């Protein structure tokens, strides 16, 4: 048995799939089980960055001041 699917039916099914994925993602994000994991990730932008080059800092006294 072959069902003929129109373009509207395919688009409708695609919309339903995306909507179900959106609801699932929303429930996952706002789940209280993930609170500690997201609290830790929330602080990542404030983590210390590794220092650039501590071994060879440039001494400003040795630079030339001539133009």
C-alpha atoms as a PDB file:
ATOM      1  CA  UNK A   1       0.000   0.000   0.000  1.00  0.00           C
ATOM      2  CA  UNK A   2       1.561   3.288  -1.129  1.00  0.00           C
ATOM      3  CA  UNK A   3       0.408   6.592   0.299  1.00  0.00           C
ATOM      4  CA  UNK A   4       0.920   9.650  -1.827  1.00  0.00           C
ATOM      5  CA  UNK A   5       2.385  12.440   0.302  1.00  0.00           C
ATOM      6  CA  UNK A   6       1.942  15.994  -0.797  1.00  0.00           C
ATOM      7  CA  UNK A   7       4.407  18.782  -0.157  1.00  0.00           C
ATOM      8  CA  UNK A   8       2.103  20.189   2.522  1.00  0.00           C
ATOM      9  CA  UNK A   9       2.058  16.843   4.363  1.00  0.00           C
ATOM     10  CA  UNK A  10       5.858  16.610   4.316  1.00  0.00           C
ATOM     11  CA  UNK A  11       6.194  20.175   5.608  1.00  0.00           C
ATOM     12  CA  UNK A  12       3.629  19.490   8.313  1.00  0.00           C
ATOM     13  CA  UNK A  13       5.510  16.393   9.482  1.00  0.00           C
ATOM     14  CA  UNK A  14       8.765  18.371   9.479  1.00  0.00           C
ATOM     15  CA  UNK A  15       7.122  21.036  11.625  1.00  0.00           C
ATOM     16  CA  UNK A  16       5.913  18.414  14.101  1.00  0.00           C
ATOM     17  CA  UNK A  17       9.393  16.862  14.320  1.00  0.00           C
ATOM     18  CA  UNK A  18      11.048  20.246  14.947  1.00  0.00           C
ATOM     19  CA  UNK A  19       8.395  21.156  17.536  1.00  0.00           C
ATOM     20  CA  UNK A  20       8.911  17.888  19.430  1.00  0.00           C
ATOM     21  CA  UNK A  21      12.686  18.431  19.366  1.00  0.00           C
ATOM     22  CA  UNK A  22      12.197  21.977  20.690  1.00  0.00           C
ATOM     23  CA  UNK A  23      10.005  20.759  23.556  1.00  0.00           C
ATOM     24  CA  UNK A  24      12.531  18.019  24.398  1.00  0.00           C
ATOM     25  CA  UNK A  25      15.446  20.458  24.397  1.00  0.00           C
ATOM     26  CA  UNK A  26      13.504  22.917  26.554  1.00  0.00           C
ATOM     27  CA  UNK A  27      12.713  20.215  29.111  1.00  0.00           C
ATOM     28  CA  UNK A  28      16.354  19.097  29.119  1.00  0.00           C
ATOM     29  CA  UNK A  29      17.681  22.631  29.662  1.00  0.00           C
ATOM     30  CA  UNK A  30      15.290  23.495  32.475  1.00  0.00           C
ATOM     31  CA  UNK A  31      15.619  20.122  34.206  1.00  0.00           C
ATOM     32  CA  UNK A  32      16.596  20.464  37.859  1.00  0.00           C
ATOM     33  CA  UNK A  33      18.947  17.468  37.485  1.00  0.00           C
ATOM     34  CA  UNK A  34      21.292  19.594  35.354  1.00  0.00           C
ATOM     35  CA  UNK A  35      21.445  22.603  37.703  1.00  0.00           C
ATOM     36  CA  UNK A  36      24.916  21.844  39.081  1.00  0.00           C
ATOM     37  CA  UNK A  37      26.335  21.100  35.621  1.00  0.00           C
ATOM     38  CA  UNK A  38      24.997  24.347  34.179  1.00  0.00           C
ATOM     39  CA  UNK A  39      26.082  26.345  37.248  1.00  0.00           C
ATOM     40  CA  UNK A  40      29.628  25.137  36.668  1.00  0.00           C
ATOM     41  CA  UNK A  41      29.466  25.938  32.935  1.00  0.00           C
ATOM     42  CA  UNK A  42      28.055  29.383  33.713  1.00  0.00           C
ATOM     43  CA  UNK A  43      31.360  30.319  35.369  1.00  0.00           C
ATOM     44  CA  UNK A  44      33.615  29.232  32.479  1.00  0.00           C
ATOM     45  CA  UNK A  45      34.016  32.747  31.004  1.00  0.00           C
ATOM     46  CA  UNK A  46      35.557  33.856  34.298  1.00  0.00           C
ATOM     47  CA  UNK A  47      38.089  31.029  34.493  1.00  0.00           C
ATOM     48  CA  UNK A  48      41.730  32.095  34.583  1.00  0.00           C
ATOM     49  CA  UNK A  49      43.387  32.109  31.204  1.00  0.00           C
ATOM     50  CA  UNK A  50      46.907  30.736  30.920  1.00  0.00           C
ATOM     51  CA  UNK A  51      49.523  33.463  30.939  1.00  0.00           C
ATOM     52  CA  UNK A  52      50.958  34.388  27.543  1.00  0.00           C
ATOM     53  CA  UNK A  53      54.746  34.271  27.952  1.00  0.00           C
ATOM     54  CA  UNK A  54      56.067  34.705  31.469  1.00  0.00           C
ATOM     55  CA  UNK A  55      59.554  33.375  30.649  1.00  0.00           C
ATOM     56  CA  UNK A  56      60.551  36.284  28.365  1.00  0.00           C
ATOM     57  CA  UNK A  57      58.871  39.485  29.476  1.00  0.00           C
ATOM     58  CA  UNK A  58      60.069  42.533  27.570  1.00  0.00           C
ATOM     59  CA  UNK A  59      61.944  45.036  29.681  1.00  0.00           C
ATOM     60  CA  UNK A  60      60.767  48.551  28.800  1.00  0.00           C
ATOM     61  CA  UNK A  61      64.154  50.008  29.898  1.00  0.00           C
ATOM     62  CA  UNK A  62      65.970  48.265  27.025  1.00  0.00           C
ATOM     63  CA  UNK A  63      63.730  49.620  24.288  1.00  0.00           C
ATOM     64  CA  UNK A  64      64.853  52.476  22.129  1.00  0.00           C
ATOM     65  CA  UNK A  65      62.910  55.722  22.500  1.00  0.00           C
ATOM     66  CA  UNK A  66      64.139  57.137  19.179  1.00  0.00           C
ATOM     67  CA  UNK A  67      61.541  57.622  16.417  1.00  0.00           C
END
